[in-house]
Amino acid sequence: MKIYMDVCCLNRPFDDQNQQRIHLETESIITILTLVENGKWRLLNSDAILYEINKIPDPERKIKVNLVASVAKEYIRLNKDILKRAEQIQRMGVKSFDALHVACAEAGKADVF
């Protein structure tokens, strides 16, 4: 199974775990990453993910999120077709960066986004 997680997901294990919802989401992310590390699932990475990670202002957190993203074995490079698809998705009402992530997930043939 191919998984595409946006940067919000990759950040979740480093968020304040005092809220039950955040803690449960973190447990889910950790389970997914364990399945990826065990070779049962494949995590996708992309230019869009790396760009967004590089915008994280906290240098320590940026390093941690980059480490999480580094378990991905497949990488989606932006190209004109992905950008065109992102524009189409954006016209459907999806915010620009979210549309870019969806277009990358589609290009990588993700089973789950």
Protein backbone atom coordinates (compact mmCIF):
# COMPACT_ATOMS: atom_id res chain seq x y z
CA MET A 1 0.00 0.00 0.00
CA LYS A 2 1.30 3.46 -0.91
CA ILE A 3 0.75 6.25 1.60
CA TYR A 4 1.09 10.00 1.08
CA MET A 5 1.11 12.00 4.32
CA ASP A 6 1.25 15.76 4.22
CA VAL A 7 3.50 17.74 6.55
CA CYS A 8 0.76 18.14 9.14
CA CYS A 9 0.84 14.36 9.58
CA LEU A 10 4.63 14.24 9.64
CA ASN A 11 4.62 16.95 12.33
CA ARG A 12 1.99 15.30 14.54
CA PRO A 13 4.36 13.18 16.70
CA PHE A 14 6.09 16.41 17.78
CA ASP A 15 2.91 18.26 18.78
CA ASP A 16 1.64 18.63 22.35
CA GLN A 17 0.30 15.19 23.24
CA ASN A 18 -1.95 16.37 26.07
CA GLN A 19 -5.00 16.53 23.82
CA GLN A 20 -6.53 13.10 23.29
CA ARG A 21 -7.22 13.70 19.58
CA ILE A 22 -3.61 14.70 18.93
CA HIS A 23 -2.35 11.71 20.90
CA LEU A 24 -4.56 9.30 18.92
CA GLU A 25 -3.47 10.86 15.63
CA THR A 26 0.16 10.48 16.73
CA GLU A 27 -0.38 6.81 17.51
CA SER A 28 -1.86 6.34 14.04
CA ILE A 29 1.10 8.07 12.40
CA ILE A 30 3.55 5.96 14.40
CA THR A 31 1.70 2.79 13.37
CA ILE A 32 1.86 3.83 9.71
CA LEU A 33 5.57 4.61 9.98
CA THR A 34 6.22 1.26 11.63
CA LEU A 35 4.48 -0.50 8.74
CA VAL A 36 6.59 1.55 6.33
CA GLU A 37 9.81 0.69 8.14
CA ASN A 38 8.82 -3.00 8.15
CA GLY A 39 8.35 -2.87 4.37
CA LYS A 40 4.62 -3.61 4.46
CA TRP A 41 3.61 -0.13 3.23
CA ARG A 42 5.44 2.49 1.15
CA LEU A 43 5.58 6.14 2.08
CA LEU A 44 5.73 8.75 -0.67
CA ASN A 45 7.73 11.95 -0.41
CA SER A 46 7.62 14.92 -2.76
CA ASP A 47 9.09 18.28 -3.64
CA ALA A 48 5.98 19.81 -2.07
CA ILE A 49 6.63 18.03 1.24
CA LEU A 50 10.28 19.04 1.34
CA TYR A 51 9.42 22.64 0.50
CA GLU A 52 6.89 22.75 3.31
CA ILE A 53 9.29 21.11 5.78
CA ASN A 54 11.93 23.69 4.91
CA LYS A 55 9.49 26.43 5.93
CA ILE A 56 9.30 25.09 9.53
CA PRO A 57 10.79 27.90 11.63
CA ASP A 58 12.06 25.74 14.52
CA PRO A 59 15.38 24.20 13.38
CA GLU A 60 15.15 21.24 15.78
CA ARG A 61 11.62 20.40 14.71
CA LYS A 62 12.61 20.76 11.05
CA ILE A 63 15.36 18.15 11.58
CA LYS A 64 12.93 15.77 13.29
CA VAL A 65 10.28 16.09 10.58
CA ASN A 66 12.92 15.60 7.88
CA LEU A 67 13.97 12.38 9.62
CA VAL A 68 10.38 11.14 9.61
CA ALA A 69 10.02 12.02 5.91
CA SER A 70 13.30 10.28 5.09
CA VAL A 71 11.75 6.83 5.57
CA ALA A 72 9.99 7.34 2.24
CA LYS A 73 11.41 5.20 -0.55
CA GLU A 74 9.57 6.91 -3.40
CA TYR A 75 9.89 10.56 -4.37
CA ILE A 76 7.56 12.67 -6.50
CA ARG A 77 9.28 15.51 -8.35
CA LEU A 78 7.09 18.40 -9.39
CA ASN A 79 6.52 18.73 -13.10
CA LYS A 80 4.17 20.63 -15.39
CA ASP A 81 1.54 17.86 -15.32
CA ILE A 82 1.42 17.83 -11.51
CA LEU A 83 1.23 21.64 -11.41
CA LYS A 84 -1.58 21.62 -13.99
CA ARG A 85 -3.49 19.00 -12.01
CA ALA A 86 -2.98 21.01 -8.80
CA GLU A 87 -4.54 24.03 -10.54
CA GLN A 88 -7.55 21.90 -11.55
CA ILE A 89 -7.96 20.67 -7.98
CA GLN A 90 -7.61 24.19 -6.64
CA ARG A 91 -10.44 25.36 -8.93
CA MET A 92 -12.62 22.78 -7.12
CA GLY A 93 -12.15 24.77 -3.91
CA VAL A 94 -9.10 23.06 -2.40
CA LYS A 95 -6.44 25.41 -1.00
CA SER A 96 -3.37 25.78 -3.20
CA PHE A 97 -0.83 23.83 -1.17
CA ASP A 98 -3.32 21.10 -0.30
CA ALA A 99 -4.14 20.83 -4.01
CA LEU A 100 -0.45 20.40 -4.75
CA HIS A 101 -0.21 17.58 -2.20
CA VAL A 102 -3.26 15.85 -3.71
CA ALA A 103 -1.77 16.16 -7.19
CA CYS A 104 1.52 14.69 -5.94
CA ALA A 105 -0.32 11.83 -4.25
CA GLU A 106 -2.19 11.12 -7.48
CA ALA A 107 1.03 11.24 -9.51
CA GLY A 108 2.63 8.77 -7.10
CA LYS A 109 -0.43 6.52 -7.33
CA ALA A 110 -1.01 6.69 -3.59
CA ASP A 111 -3.63 4.36 -2.21
CA VAL A 112 -4.13 6.57 0.83
CA PHE A 113 -3.74 10.32 1.29
